[in-house]
Each structure stands twice: as C-alpha cells, then as structure tokens.
Amino acid sequence: MVNSKGASHPRGYKLSSHMRKLEEAKLIKVQKQFVERKPKTTYTATTRGALELKNYLAQIQNVIEKVEE
C-alpha cells in the first residue's frame, strides 16, 4: 500500500498520472478520503497487480543472476 501526497517526478510529471494509468489497467485500487479535513489517497495492489509485480520481480531476478555469472 502506498500513500501519496502528489510527489513530483524530476521531469515534472505527477505521481498521480502514473497511478491513474495503473488504475486504468486494473493493477491497483484507489481509495480517496478525508482524514482530519485533509485529503488522503491510498493505493492498493489488486490480485492481478500483485501477480504482475511478482512476475516482473522474478524477471529482474533472472537478469541479476545472469549478470552475476
């Protein structure tokens, strides 16, 4: 779970635009609420999102292992 306050990307992009793309791909769920009158956005990986991340990390691990050989 990630809590974002709109952190800026070095090239000027907002994290929210990246998160929106992940939401559109159904890789994360977004919950927006107010806590003590302040906006709070919570991002949670979907089942599909968690599986995609696990597969991606396995691929990266394979690359690392090949480099270490």
N, C-alpha and C. Protein backbone atom coordinates (compact mmCIF):
# COMPACT_ATOMS: atom_id res chain seq x y z
N MET A 1 0.85 -1.17 0.00
CA MET A 1 0.00 0.00 0.00
C MET A 1 0.90 1.24 0.00
N VAL A 2 0.55 2.20 -0.80
CA VAL A 2 1.34 3.42 -0.93
C VAL A 2 0.45 4.61 -0.64
N ASN A 3 0.94 5.53 0.12
CA ASN A 3 0.21 6.76 0.40
C ASN A 3 0.96 7.90 -0.28
N SER A 4 0.29 8.59 -1.19
CA SER A 4 0.96 9.62 -1.98
C SER A 4 0.42 11.00 -1.67
N LYS A 5 1.31 11.96 -1.66
CA LYS A 5 0.89 13.35 -1.48
C LYS A 5 1.23 14.14 -2.73
N GLY A 6 1.16 13.48 -3.91
CA GLY A 6 1.42 14.17 -5.17
C GLY A 6 2.89 14.48 -5.39
N ALA A 7 3.77 13.57 -5.00
CA ALA A 7 5.21 13.79 -5.17
C ALA A 7 5.53 14.05 -6.64
N SER A 8 6.43 14.98 -6.88
CA SER A 8 6.77 15.36 -8.24
C SER A 8 7.85 14.47 -8.83
N HIS A 9 7.74 14.20 -10.10
CA HIS A 9 8.73 13.47 -10.87
C HIS A 9 9.78 14.48 -11.32
N PRO A 10 11.06 14.08 -11.44
CA PRO A 10 12.10 15.03 -11.84
C PRO A 10 11.80 15.75 -13.15
N ARG A 11 11.04 15.14 -14.05
CA ARG A 11 10.73 15.78 -15.33
C ARG A 11 9.42 16.56 -15.28
N GLY A 12 8.84 16.69 -14.10
CA GLY A 12 7.64 17.50 -13.96
C GLY A 12 6.34 16.71 -13.96
N TYR A 13 6.40 15.39 -14.18
CA TYR A 13 5.20 14.58 -14.15
C TYR A 13 4.75 14.39 -12.71
N LYS A 14 3.48 14.22 -12.53
CA LYS A 14 2.95 13.95 -11.19
C LYS A 14 2.78 12.45 -11.00
N LEU A 15 3.05 11.98 -9.82
CA LEU A 15 2.86 10.57 -9.50
C LEU A 15 1.43 10.15 -9.79
N SER A 16 0.49 11.05 -9.57
CA SER A 16 -0.92 10.71 -9.76
C SER A 16 -1.23 10.27 -11.19
N SER A 17 -0.55 10.83 -12.18
CA SER A 17 -0.80 10.42 -13.56
C SER A 17 -0.32 8.99 -13.80
N HIS A 18 0.78 8.61 -13.19
CA HIS A 18 1.27 7.23 -13.30
C HIS A 18 0.32 6.27 -12.58
N MET A 19 -0.14 6.69 -11.42
CA MET A 19 -1.05 5.84 -10.66
C MET A 19 -2.38 5.67 -11.39
N ARG A 20 -2.83 6.71 -12.07
CA ARG A 20 -4.07 6.64 -12.84
C ARG A 20 -3.96 5.58 -13.93
N LYS A 21 -2.80 5.51 -14.59
CA LYS A 21 -2.59 4.51 -15.63
C LYS A 21 -2.63 3.10 -15.04
N LEU A 22 -2.05 2.92 -13.86
CA LEU A 22 -2.10 1.61 -13.20
C LEU A 22 -3.54 1.26 -12.81
N GLU A 23 -4.30 2.26 -12.38
CA GLU A 23 -5.71 2.03 -12.03
C GLU A 23 -6.51 1.65 -13.28
N GLU A 24 -6.29 2.35 -14.38
CA GLU A 24 -6.99 2.05 -15.63
C GLU A 24 -6.69 0.63 -16.11
N ALA A 25 -5.47 0.16 -15.84
CA ALA A 25 -5.08 -1.20 -16.21
C ALA A 25 -5.55 -2.23 -15.19
N LYS A 26 -6.26 -1.77 -14.16
CA LYS A 26 -6.79 -2.62 -13.09
C LYS A 26 -5.68 -3.34 -12.32
N LEU A 27 -4.53 -2.65 -12.16
CA LEU A 27 -3.43 -3.20 -11.39
C LEU A 27 -3.44 -2.70 -9.95
N ILE A 28 -4.13 -1.58 -9.72
CA ILE A 28 -4.28 -1.04 -8.36
C ILE A 28 -5.70 -0.57 -8.15
N LYS A 29 -6.07 -0.45 -6.87
CA LYS A 29 -7.33 0.17 -6.47
C LYS A 29 -6.99 1.47 -5.77
N VAL A 30 -7.82 2.47 -5.98
CA VAL A 30 -7.58 3.79 -5.40
C VAL A 30 -8.72 4.12 -4.46
N GLN A 31 -8.37 4.55 -3.26
CA GLN A 31 -9.37 4.99 -2.28
C GLN A 31 -9.03 6.42 -1.88
N LYS A 32 -9.99 7.32 -2.09
CA LYS A 32 -9.78 8.72 -1.71
C LYS A 32 -10.73 9.03 -0.56
N GLN A 33 -10.19 9.71 0.44
CA GLN A 33 -10.98 10.08 1.61
C GLN A 33 -10.38 11.32 2.26
N PHE A 34 -11.09 11.86 3.23
CA PHE A 34 -10.57 12.96 4.02
C PHE A 34 -10.32 12.47 5.44
N VAL A 35 -9.16 12.80 5.97
CA VAL A 35 -8.80 12.46 7.34
C VAL A 35 -8.44 13.77 8.03
N GLU A 36 -9.19 14.12 9.03
CA GLU A 36 -9.00 15.40 9.73
C GLU A 36 -8.98 16.56 8.74
N ARG A 37 -9.91 16.55 7.83
CA ARG A 37 -10.11 17.60 6.82
C ARG A 37 -9.00 17.69 5.78
N LYS A 38 -8.16 16.69 5.72
CA LYS A 38 -7.09 16.67 4.74
C LYS A 38 -7.32 15.49 3.79
N PRO A 39 -7.11 15.70 2.48
CA PRO A 39 -7.30 14.59 1.54
C PRO A 39 -6.24 13.50 1.74
N LYS A 40 -6.68 12.26 1.63
CA LYS A 40 -5.77 11.12 1.75
C LYS A 40 -6.12 10.13 0.65
N THR A 41 -5.14 9.77 -0.15
CA THR A 41 -5.33 8.80 -1.22
C THR A 41 -4.50 7.56 -0.89
N THR A 42 -5.16 6.40 -0.93
CA THR A 42 -4.49 5.14 -0.63
C THR A 42 -4.54 4.25 -1.87
N TYR A 43 -3.41 3.68 -2.24
CA TYR A 43 -3.32 2.79 -3.38
C TYR A 43 -3.05 1.38 -2.88
N THR A 44 -3.81 0.41 -3.41
CA THR A 44 -3.65 -0.98 -3.02
C THR A 44 -3.56 -1.83 -4.29
N ALA A 45 -2.62 -2.75 -4.32
CA ALA A 45 -2.48 -3.63 -5.48
C ALA A 45 -3.68 -4.57 -5.55
N THR A 46 -4.20 -4.78 -6.77
CA THR A 46 -5.23 -5.78 -6.98
C THR A 46 -4.56 -7.14 -7.03
N THR A 47 -5.35 -8.20 -7.07
CA THR A 47 -4.78 -9.54 -7.20
C THR A 47 -3.95 -9.63 -8.47
N ARG A 48 -4.50 -9.11 -9.56
CA ARG A 48 -3.77 -9.11 -10.83
C ARG A 48 -2.51 -8.26 -10.73
N GLY A 49 -2.61 -7.10 -10.09
CA GLY A 49 -1.46 -6.21 -9.93
C GLY A 49 -0.34 -6.87 -9.14
N ALA A 50 -0.71 -7.57 -8.06
CA ALA A 50 0.29 -8.25 -7.24
C ALA A 50 0.97 -9.36 -8.03
N LEU A 51 0.20 -10.09 -8.85
CA LEU A 51 0.76 -11.15 -9.67
C LEU A 51 1.70 -10.57 -10.73
N GLU A 52 1.28 -9.49 -11.37
CA GLU A 52 2.14 -8.84 -12.37
C GLU A 52 3.45 -8.36 -11.74
N LEU A 53 3.37 -7.78 -10.55
CA LEU A 53 4.57 -7.31 -9.86
C LEU A 53 5.48 -8.49 -9.51
N LYS A 54 4.90 -9.57 -9.03
CA LYS A 54 5.69 -10.76 -8.68
C LYS A 54 6.41 -11.30 -9.92
N ASN A 55 5.71 -11.37 -11.04
CA ASN A 55 6.32 -11.85 -12.29
C ASN A 55 7.43 -10.91 -12.75
N TYR A 56 7.20 -9.62 -12.66
CA TYR A 56 8.21 -8.63 -13.05
C TYR A 56 9.46 -8.78 -12.19
N LEU A 57 9.28 -8.92 -10.89
CA LEU A 57 10.43 -9.06 -9.99
C LEU A 57 11.20 -10.35 -10.26
N ALA A 58 10.48 -11.42 -10.62
CA ALA A 58 11.15 -12.68 -10.97
C ALA A 58 12.00 -12.50 -12.22
N GLN A 59 11.49 -11.75 -13.19
CA GLN A 59 12.26 -11.49 -14.41
C GLN A 59 13.51 -10.68 -14.09
N ILE A 60 13.37 -9.68 -13.24
CA ILE A 60 14.52 -8.86 -12.84
C ILE A 60 15.55 -9.72 -12.10
N GLN A 61 15.07 -10.62 -11.24
CA GLN A 61 15.98 -11.51 -10.51
C GLN A 61 16.76 -12.40 -11.48
N ASN A 62 16.08 -12.88 -12.52
CA ASN A 62 16.78 -13.69 -13.54
C ASN A 62 17.86 -12.90 -14.24
N VAL A 63 17.61 -11.65 -14.54
CA VAL A 63 18.61 -10.79 -15.18
C VAL A 63 19.81 -10.60 -14.25
N ILE A 64 19.54 -10.37 -12.99
CA ILE A 64 20.61 -10.17 -12.00
C ILE A 64 21.47 -11.42 -11.89
N GLU A 65 20.81 -12.58 -11.85
CA GLU A 65 21.56 -13.84 -11.73
C GLU A 65 22.45 -14.07 -12.95
N LYS A 66 21.97 -13.71 -14.15
CA LYS A 66 22.77 -13.87 -15.36
C LYS A 66 23.97 -12.93 -15.35
N VAL A 67 23.80 -11.74 -14.83
CA VAL A 67 24.90 -10.77 -14.76
C VAL A 67 25.96 -11.26 -13.78
N GLU A 68 25.53 -11.89 -12.71
CA GLU A 68 26.48 -12.36 -11.68
C GLU A 68 27.27 -13.58 -12.12
N GLU A 69 26.85 -14.26 -13.19
CA GLU A 69 27.55 -15.46 -13.64
C GLU A 69 28.90 -15.14 -14.23
